[in-house]
């Protein structure tokens, strides 16, 4: 199913672009309702810091990367313990 493939691709690209691992809660949820919509979340392990991003787009990989970049710009880099050069 094309819509499901786009949704899963967007979610996986978001997680991959953040280097999603086990150091902090990172989540992605995509759905296709005529257009692809993605919501991403990065939280500190204690739950005190929470970054939520969302958007829509035609290209699943681009959307996942774009929202990961937005999350990093909003402070996800510090939550995830990434250095300045991380992408």
PDB file of N, CA and C in Angstrom:
ATOM      1  N   UNK A   1       0.842  -1.177   0.000  1.00  0.00           N
ATOM      2  CA  UNK A   1       0.000   0.000   0.000  1.00  0.00           C
ATOM      3  C   UNK A   1       0.893   1.248   0.000  1.00  0.00           C
ATOM      4  N   UNK A   2       0.676   2.111  -0.979  1.00  0.00           N
ATOM      5  CA  UNK A   2       1.501   3.305  -1.136  1.00  0.00           C
ATOM      6  C   UNK A   2       1.435   4.268   0.030  1.00  0.00           C
ATOM      7  N   UNK A   3       0.249   4.492   0.574  1.00  0.00           N
ATOM      8  CA  UNK A   3       0.100   5.428   1.694  1.00  0.00           C
ATOM      9  C   UNK A   3       0.838   4.915   2.926  1.00  0.00           C
ATOM     10  N   UNK A   4       0.734   3.625   3.176  1.00  0.00           N
ATOM     11  CA  UNK A   4       1.426   3.039   4.326  1.00  0.00           C
ATOM     12  C   UNK A   4       2.933   3.128   4.146  1.00  0.00           C
ATOM     13  N   UNK A   5       3.409   2.854   2.942  1.00  0.00           N
ATOM     14  CA  UNK A   5       4.851   2.945   2.668  1.00  0.00           C
ATOM     15  C   UNK A   5       5.349   4.371   2.905  1.00  0.00           C
ATOM     16  N   UNK A   6       4.620   5.369   2.450  1.00  0.00           N
ATOM     17  CA  UNK A   6       5.031   6.760   2.656  1.00  0.00           C
ATOM     18  C   UNK A   6       5.073   7.099   4.143  1.00  0.00           C
ATOM     19  N   UNK A   7       4.065   6.653   4.871  1.00  0.00           N
ATOM     20  CA  UNK A   7       4.004   6.935   6.309  1.00  0.00           C
ATOM     21  C   UNK A   7       5.183   6.315   7.039  1.00  0.00           C
ATOM     22  N   UNK A   8       5.462   5.059   6.773  1.00  0.00           N
ATOM     23  CA  UNK A   8       6.564   4.357   7.434  1.00  0.00           C
ATOM     24  C   UNK A   8       7.905   4.976   7.040  1.00  0.00           C
ATOM     25  N   UNK A   9       8.062   5.346   5.789  1.00  0.00           N
ATOM     26  CA  UNK A   9       9.301   5.975   5.330  1.00  0.00           C
ATOM     27  C   UNK A   9       9.539   7.290   6.059  1.00  0.00           C
ATOM     28  N   UNK A  10       8.516   8.115   6.204  1.00  0.00           N
ATOM     29  CA  UNK A  10       8.647   9.400   6.905  1.00  0.00           C
ATOM     30  C   UNK A  10       9.041   9.175   8.362  1.00  0.00           C
ATOM     31  N   UNK A  11       8.387   8.225   9.029  1.00  0.00           N
ATOM     32  CA  UNK A  11       8.700   7.936  10.431  1.00  0.00           C
ATOM     33  C   UNK A  11      10.137   7.452  10.580  1.00  0.00           C
ATOM     34  N   UNK A  12      10.529   6.521   9.741  1.00  0.00           N
ATOM     35  CA  UNK A  12      11.888   5.974   9.829  1.00  0.00           C
ATOM     36  C   UNK A  12      12.945   7.021   9.528  1.00  0.00           C
ATOM     37  N   UNK A  13      12.682   7.895   8.566  1.00  0.00           N
ATOM     38  CA  UNK A  13      13.655   8.937   8.232  1.00  0.00           C
ATOM     39  C   UNK A  13      13.808   9.925   9.376  1.00  0.00           C
ATOM     40  N   UNK A  14      12.718  10.254  10.058  1.00  0.00           N
ATOM     41  CA  UNK A  14      12.782  11.143  11.217  1.00  0.00           C
ATOM     42  C   UNK A  14      13.684  10.528  12.282  1.00  0.00           C
ATOM     43  N   UNK A  15      13.435   9.274  12.616  1.00  0.00           N
ATOM     44  CA  UNK A  15      14.224   8.594  13.643  1.00  0.00           C
ATOM     45  C   UNK A  15      15.683   8.458  13.220  1.00  0.00           C
ATOM     46  N   UNK A  16      15.925   8.075  11.980  1.00  0.00           N
ATOM     47  CA  UNK A  16      17.288   7.928  11.467  1.00  0.00           C
ATOM     48  C   UNK A  16      18.038   9.255  11.496  1.00  0.00           C
ATOM     49  N   UNK A  17      17.373  10.322  11.093  1.00  0.00           N
ATOM     50  CA  UNK A  17      18.019  11.638  11.038  1.00  0.00           C
ATOM     51  C   UNK A  17      18.387  12.152  12.422  1.00  0.00           C
ATOM     52  N   UNK A  18      17.690  11.683  13.449  1.00  0.00           N
ATOM     53  CA  UNK A  18      18.010  12.074  14.820  1.00  0.00           C
ATOM     54  C   UNK A  18      18.990  11.108  15.463  1.00  0.00           C
ATOM     55  N   UNK A  19      19.305  10.037  14.761  1.00  0.00           N
ATOM     56  CA  UNK A  19      20.169   9.030  15.361  1.00  0.00           C
ATOM     57  C   UNK A  19      19.447   8.324  16.488  1.00  0.00           C
ATOM     58  N   UNK A  20      18.121   8.182  16.350  1.00  0.00           N
ATOM     59  CA  UNK A  20      17.283   7.584  17.385  1.00  0.00           C
ATOM     60  C   UNK A  20      17.898   6.322  17.959  1.00  0.00           C
ATOM     61  N   UNK A  21      18.086   6.321  19.242  1.00  0.00           N
ATOM     62  CA  UNK A  21      18.650   5.179  19.938  1.00  0.00           C
ATOM     63  C   UNK A  21      17.903   4.985  21.243  1.00  0.00           C
ATOM     64  N   UNK A  22      18.643   4.604  22.243  1.00  0.00           N
ATOM     65  CA  UNK A  22      18.020   4.323  23.534  1.00  0.00           C
ATOM     66  C   UNK A  22      18.319   5.387  24.577  1.00  0.00           C
ATOM     67  N   UNK A  23      18.970   6.487  24.190  1.00  0.00           N
ATOM     68  CA  UNK A  23      19.374   7.482  25.176  1.00  0.00           C
ATOM     69  C   UNK A  23      18.236   8.402  25.605  1.00  0.00           C
ATOM     70  N   UNK A  24      17.236   8.574  24.774  1.00  0.00           N
ATOM     71  CA  UNK A  24      16.109   9.454  25.109  1.00  0.00           C
ATOM     72  C   UNK A  24      14.893   9.011  24.305  1.00  0.00           C
ATOM     73  N   UNK A  25      13.707   9.288  24.845  1.00  0.00           N
ATOM     74  CA  UNK A  25      12.490   8.943  24.095  1.00  0.00           C
ATOM     75  C   UNK A  25      12.362   9.773  22.811  1.00  0.00           C
ATOM     76  N   UNK A  26      12.261   9.075  21.693  1.00  0.00           N
ATOM     77  CA  UNK A  26      12.057   9.703  20.391  1.00  0.00           C
ATOM     78  C   UNK A  26      10.917   8.951  19.724  1.00  0.00           C
ATOM     79  N   UNK A  27       9.972   9.702  19.162  1.00  0.00           N
ATOM     80  CA  UNK A  27       8.820   9.054  18.539  1.00  0.00           C
ATOM     81  C   UNK A  27       8.455   9.765  17.243  1.00  0.00           C
ATOM     82  N   UNK A  28       7.818   9.023  16.352  1.00  0.00           N
ATOM     83  CA  UNK A  28       7.324   9.591  15.095  1.00  0.00           C
ATOM     84  C   UNK A  28       6.011   8.905  14.746  1.00  0.00           C
ATOM     85  N   UNK A  29       5.063   9.703  14.272  1.00  0.00           N
ATOM     86  CA  UNK A  29       3.777   9.167  13.848  1.00  0.00           C
ATOM     87  C   UNK A  29       3.372   9.855  12.548  1.00  0.00           C
ATOM     88  N   UNK A  30       3.175   9.078  11.520  1.00  0.00           N
ATOM     89  CA  UNK A  30       2.767   9.634  10.225  1.00  0.00           C
ATOM     90  C   UNK A  30       1.436   9.032   9.814  1.00  0.00           C
ATOM     91  N   UNK A  31       0.695   9.813   9.056  1.00  0.00           N
ATOM     92  CA  UNK A  31      -0.559   9.313   8.482  1.00  0.00           C
ATOM     93  C   UNK A  31      -0.765   9.995   7.142  1.00  0.00           C
ATOM     94  N   UNK A  32      -1.513   9.315   6.318  1.00  0.00           N
ATOM     95  CA  UNK A  32      -1.790   9.820   4.980  1.00  0.00           C
ATOM     96  C   UNK A  32      -3.294  10.041   4.870  1.00  0.00           C
ATOM     97  N   UNK A  33      -3.678  11.304   4.750  1.00  0.00           N
ATOM     98  CA  UNK A  33      -5.091  11.661   4.617  1.00  0.00           C
ATOM     99  C   UNK A  33      -5.254  12.542   3.380  1.00  0.00           C
ATOM    100  N   UNK A  34      -4.836  12.005   2.243  1.00  0.00           N
ATOM    101  CA  UNK A  34      -4.805  12.807   1.032  1.00  0.00           C
ATOM    102  C   UNK A  34      -3.484  13.525   0.879  1.00  0.00           C
ATOM    103  N   UNK A  35      -2.796  13.758   1.984  1.00  0.00           N
ATOM    104  CA  UNK A  35      -1.443  14.295   2.011  1.00  0.00           C
ATOM    105  C   UNK A  35      -0.732  13.686   3.219  1.00  0.00           C
ATOM    106  N   UNK A  36       0.570  13.579   3.134  1.00  0.00           N
ATOM    107  CA  UNK A  36       1.356  12.961   4.187  1.00  0.00           C
ATOM    108  C   UNK A  36       1.561  13.944   5.330  1.00  0.00           C
ATOM    109  N   UNK A  37       1.221  13.515   6.540  1.00  0.00           N
ATOM    110  CA  UNK A  37       1.385  14.330   7.741  1.00  0.00           C
ATOM    111  C   UNK A  37       2.260  13.564   8.719  1.00  0.00           C
ATOM    112  N   UNK A  38       3.214  14.267   9.345  1.00  0.00           N
ATOM    113  CA  UNK A  38       4.137  13.638  10.283  1.00  0.00           C
ATOM    114  C   UNK A  38       4.237  14.473  11.546  1.00  0.00           C
ATOM    115  N   UNK A  39       4.209  13.788  12.682  1.00  0.00           N
ATOM    116  CA  UNK A  39       4.454  14.412  13.975  1.00  0.00           C
ATOM    117  C   UNK A  39       5.623  13.692  14.611  1.00  0.00           C
ATOM    118  N   UNK A  40       6.581  14.460  15.106  1.00  0.00           N
ATOM    119  CA  UNK A  40       7.747  13.890  15.764  1.00  0.00           C
ATOM    120  C   UNK A  40       7.875  14.434  17.169  1.00  0.00           C
ATOM    121  N   UNK A  41       8.490  13.653  18.036  1.00  0.00           N
ATOM    122  CA  UNK A  41       8.628  14.031  19.430  1.00  0.00           C
ATOM    123  C   UNK A  41       9.981  13.581  19.942  1.00  0.00           C
ATOM    124  N   UNK A  42      10.628  14.452  20.707  1.00  0.00           N
ATOM    125  CA  UNK A  42      11.858  14.109  21.423  1.00  0.00           C
ATOM    126  C   UNK A  42      11.653  14.589  22.852  1.00  0.00           C
ATOM    127  N   UNK A  43      11.904  13.695  23.814  1.00  0.00           N
ATOM    128  CA  UNK A  43      11.715  14.038  25.224  1.00  0.00           C
ATOM    129  C   UNK A  43      12.959  13.682  26.011  1.00  0.00           C
ATOM    130  N   UNK A  44      13.200  14.443  27.041  1.00  0.00           N
ATOM    131  CA  UNK A  44      14.295  14.086  27.937  1.00  0.00           C
ATOM    132  C   UNK A  44      13.859  12.861  28.739  1.00  0.00           C
ATOM    133  N   UNK A  45      14.807  12.074  29.202  1.00  0.00           N
ATOM    134  CA  UNK A  45      14.448  10.867  29.954  1.00  0.00           C
ATOM    135  C   UNK A  45      13.570  11.143  31.179  1.00  0.00           C
ATOM    136  N   UNK A  46      13.737  12.322  31.799  1.00  0.00           N
ATOM    137  CA  UNK A  46      12.914  12.643  32.973  1.00  0.00           C
ATOM    138  C   UNK A  46      11.579  13.293  32.590  1.00  0.00           C
ATOM    139  N   UNK A  47      11.371  13.550  31.303  1.00  0.00           N
ATOM    140  CA  UNK A  47      10.111  14.117  30.835  1.00  0.00           C
ATOM    141  C   UNK A  47       9.968  15.614  31.025  1.00  0.00           C
ATOM    142  N   UNK A  48      11.002  16.271  31.502  1.00  0.00           N
ATOM    143  CA  UNK A  48      10.907  17.720  31.746  1.00  0.00           C
ATOM    144  C   UNK A  48      11.028  18.558  30.477  1.00  0.00           C
ATOM    145  N   UNK A  49      11.787  18.055  29.508  1.00  0.00           N
ATOM    146  CA  UNK A  49      11.936  18.770  28.246  1.00  0.00           C
ATOM    147  C   UNK A  49      11.245  17.965  27.157  1.00  0.00           C
ATOM    148  N   UNK A  50      10.435  18.649  26.384  1.00  0.00           N
ATOM    149  CA  UNK A  50       9.660  17.987  25.342  1.00  0.00           C
ATOM    150  C   UNK A  50       9.674  18.851  24.087  1.00  0.00           C
ATOM    151  N   UNK A  51      10.052  18.251  22.979  1.00  0.00           N
ATOM    152  CA  UNK A  51      10.054  18.951  21.699  1.00  0.00           C
ATOM    153  C   UNK A  51       9.129  18.193  20.767  1.00  0.00           C
ATOM    154  N   UNK A  52       8.157  18.905  20.231  1.00  0.00           N
ATOM    155  CA  UNK A  52       7.196  18.296  19.307  1.00  0.00           C
ATOM    156  C   UNK A  52       7.218  19.113  18.016  1.00  0.00           C
ATOM    157  N   UNK A  53       7.340  18.415  16.909  1.00  0.00           N
ATOM    158  CA  UNK A  53       7.332  19.061  15.596  1.00  0.00           C
ATOM    159  C   UNK A  53       6.299  18.351  14.726  1.00  0.00           C
ATOM    160  N   UNK A  54       5.750  19.084  13.780  1.00  0.00           N
ATOM    161  CA  UNK A  54       4.802  18.455  12.862  1.00  0.00           C
ATOM    162  C   UNK A  54       4.796  19.229  11.554  1.00  0.00           C
ATOM    163  N   UNK A  55       4.407  18.514  10.512  1.00  0.00           N
ATOM    164  CA  UNK A  55       4.339  19.138   9.203  1.00  0.00           C
ATOM    165  C   UNK A  55       3.759  18.177   8.197  1.00  0.00           C
ATOM    166  N   UNK A  56       3.674  18.641   6.981  1.00  0.00           N
ATOM    167  CA  UNK A  56       3.167  17.796   5.899  1.00  0.00           C
ATOM    168  C   UNK A  56       3.973  18.066   4.648  1.00  0.00           C
ATOM    169  N   UNK A  57       4.002  17.066   3.780  1.00  0.00           N
ATOM    170  CA  UNK A  57       4.770  17.211   2.556  1.00  0.00           C
ATOM    171  C   UNK A  57       4.505  16.074   1.603  1.00  0.00           C
ATOM    172  N   UNK A  58       5.025  16.207   0.417  1.00  0.00           N
ATOM    173  CA  UNK A  58       4.805  15.212  -0.633  1.00  0.00           C
ATOM    174  C   UNK A  58       5.871  14.123  -0.625  1.00  0.00           C
ATOM    175  N   UNK A  59       7.078  14.448  -0.161  1.00  0.00           N
ATOM    176  CA  UNK A  59       8.174  13.479  -0.176  1.00  0.00           C
ATOM    177  C   UNK A  59       8.439  13.003   1.243  1.00  0.00           C
ATOM    178  N   UNK A  60       8.241  11.718   1.494  1.00  0.00           N
ATOM    179  CA  UNK A  60       8.335  11.160   2.840  1.00  0.00           C
ATOM    180  C   UNK A  60       9.717  11.342   3.459  1.00  0.00           C
ATOM    181  N   UNK A  61      10.764  11.032   2.713  1.00  0.00           N
ATOM    182  CA  UNK A  61      12.127  11.154   3.252  1.00  0.00           C
ATOM    183  C   UNK A  61      12.464  12.602   3.565  1.00  0.00           C
ATOM    184  N   UNK A  62      12.126  13.491   2.661  1.00  0.00           N
ATOM    185  CA  UNK A  62      12.393  14.914   2.883  1.00  0.00           C
ATOM    186  C   UNK A  62      11.645  15.426   4.109  1.00  0.00           C
ATOM    187  N   UNK A  63      10.396  15.008   4.267  1.00  0.00           N
ATOM    188  CA  UNK A  63       9.594  15.450   5.407  1.00  0.00           C
ATOM    189  C   UNK A  63      10.220  14.959   6.714  1.00  0.00           C
ATOM    190  N   UNK A  64      10.622  13.702   6.751  1.00  0.00           N
ATOM    191  CA  UNK A  64      11.256  13.172   7.953  1.00  0.00           C
ATOM    192  C   UNK A  64      12.528  13.914   8.309  1.00  0.00           C
ATOM    193  N   UNK A  65      13.369  14.174   7.311  1.00  0.00           N
ATOM    194  CA  UNK A  65      14.618  14.923   7.543  1.00  0.00           C
ATOM    195  C   UNK A  65      14.333  16.355   7.989  1.00  0.00           C
ATOM    196  N   UNK A  66      13.389  17.002   7.325  1.00  0.00           N
ATOM    197  CA  UNK A  66      13.066  18.392   7.648  1.00  0.00           C
ATOM    198  C   UNK A  66      12.606  18.523   9.096  1.00  0.00           C
ATOM    199  N   UNK A  67      11.727  17.644   9.529  1.00  0.00           N
ATOM    200  CA  UNK A  67      11.233  17.740  10.896  1.00  0.00           C
ATOM    201  C   UNK A  67      12.307  17.374  11.913  1.00  0.00           C
ATOM    202  N   UNK A  68      13.196  16.452  11.566  1.00  0.00           N
ATOM    203  CA  UNK A  68      14.318  16.144  12.452  1.00  0.00           C
ATOM    204  C   UNK A  68      15.207  17.373  12.610  1.00  0.00           C
ATOM    205  N   UNK A  69      15.468  18.075  11.527  1.00  0.00           N
ATOM    206  CA  UNK A  69      16.274  19.295  11.591  1.00  0.00           C
ATOM    207  C   UNK A  69      15.595  20.353  12.454  1.00  0.00           C
ATOM    208  N   UNK A  70      14.283  20.476  12.333  1.00  0.00           N
ATOM    209  CA  UNK A  70      13.538  21.420  13.176  1.00  0.00           C
ATOM    210  C   UNK A  70      13.659  21.039  14.644  1.00  0.00           C
ATOM    211  N   UNK A  71      13.521  19.750  14.941  1.00  0.00           N
ATOM    212  CA  UNK A  71      13.642  19.290  16.327  1.00  0.00           C
ATOM    213  C   UNK A  71      15.042  19.573  16.869  1.00  0.00           C
ATOM    214  N   UNK A  72      16.072  19.301  16.076  1.00  0.00           N
ATOM    215  CA  UNK A  72      17.434  19.579  16.497  1.00  0.00           C
ATOM    216  C   UNK A  72      17.621  21.072  16.772  1.00  0.00           C
ATOM    217  N   UNK A  73      17.073  21.916  15.906  1.00  0.00           N
ATOM    218  CA  UNK A  73      17.188  23.366  16.078  1.00  0.00           C
ATOM    219  C   UNK A  73      16.457  23.854  17.327  1.00  0.00           C
ATOM    220  N   UNK A  74      15.438  23.112  17.755  1.00  0.00           N
ATOM    221  CA  UNK A  74      14.654  23.500  18.931  1.00  0.00           C
ATOM    222  C   UNK A  74      15.206  22.916  20.234  1.00  0.00           C
ATOM    223  N   UNK A  75      16.323  22.196  20.167  1.00  0.00           N
ATOM    224  CA  UNK A  75      16.947  21.701  21.388  1.00  0.00           C
ATOM    225  C   UNK A  75      17.084  20.195  21.495  1.00  0.00           C
ATOM    226  N   UNK A  76      16.657  19.452  20.506  1.00  0.00           N
ATOM    227  CA  UNK A  76      16.778  17.993  20.561  1.00  0.00           C
ATOM    228  C   UNK A  76      18.235  17.556  20.594  1.00  0.00           C
ATOM    229  N   UNK A  77      19.110  18.345  20.016  1.00  0.00           N
ATOM    230  CA  UNK A  77      20.538  18.013  20.010  1.00  0.00           C
ATOM    231  C   UNK A  77      21.047  17.850  21.446  1.00  0.00           C
ATOM    232  N   UNK A  78      20.699  18.766  22.317  1.00  0.00           N
ATOM    233  CA  UNK A  78      21.135  18.687  23.720  1.00  0.00           C
ATOM    234  C   UNK A  78      20.477  17.511  24.433  1.00  0.00           C
ATOM    235  N   UNK A  79      19.193  17.288  24.194  1.00  0.00           N
ATOM    236  CA  UNK A  79      18.486  16.173  24.833  1.00  0.00           C
ATOM    237  C   UNK A  79      19.112  14.843  24.432  1.00  0.00           C
ATOM    238  N   UNK A  80      19.468  14.717  23.171  1.00  0.00           N
ATOM    239  CA  UNK A  80      20.022  13.471  22.644  1.00  0.00           C
ATOM    240  C   UNK A  80      21.518  13.331  22.898  1.00  0.00           C
ATOM    241  N   UNK A  81      22.143  14.407  23.433  1.00  0.00           N
ATOM    242  CA  UNK A  81      23.564  14.353  23.720  1.00  0.00           C
ATOM    243  C   UNK A  81      24.431  14.378  22.484  1.00  0.00           C
ATOM    244  N   UNK A  82      23.950  15.054  21.439  1.00  0.00           N
ATOM    245  CA  UNK A  82      24.697  15.130  20.190  1.00  0.00           C
ATOM    246  C   UNK A  82      25.595  16.360  20.193  1.00  0.00           C
ATOM    247  N   UNK A  83      26.765  16.227  19.596  1.00  0.00           N
ATOM    248  CA  UNK A  83      27.671  17.358  19.449  1.00  0.00           C
ATOM    249  C   UNK A  83      27.155  18.291  18.369  1.00  0.00           C
ATOM    250  N   UNK A  84      27.781  19.431  18.232  1.00  0.00           N
ATOM    251  CA  UNK A  84      27.360  20.420  17.239  1.00  0.00           C
ATOM    252  C   UNK A  84      27.437  19.924  15.813  1.00  0.00           C
ATOM    253  N   UNK A  85      28.362  19.029  15.517  1.00  0.00           N
ATOM    254  CA  UNK A  85      28.543  18.578  14.131  1.00  0.00           C
ATOM    255  C   UNK A  85      27.584  17.461  13.733  1.00  0.00           C
ATOM    256  N   UNK A  86      26.761  16.983  14.645  1.00  0.00           N
ATOM    257  CA  UNK A  86      25.839  15.889  14.315  1.00  0.00           C
ATOM    258  C   UNK A  86      24.771  16.366  13.356  1.00  0.00           C
ATOM    259  N   UNK A  87      24.317  15.441  12.494  1.00  0.00           N
ATOM    260  CA  UNK A  87      23.278  15.773  11.507  1.00  0.00           C
ATOM    261  C   UNK A  87      22.067  14.934  11.774  1.00  0.00           C
TER     262      UNK A  87
END
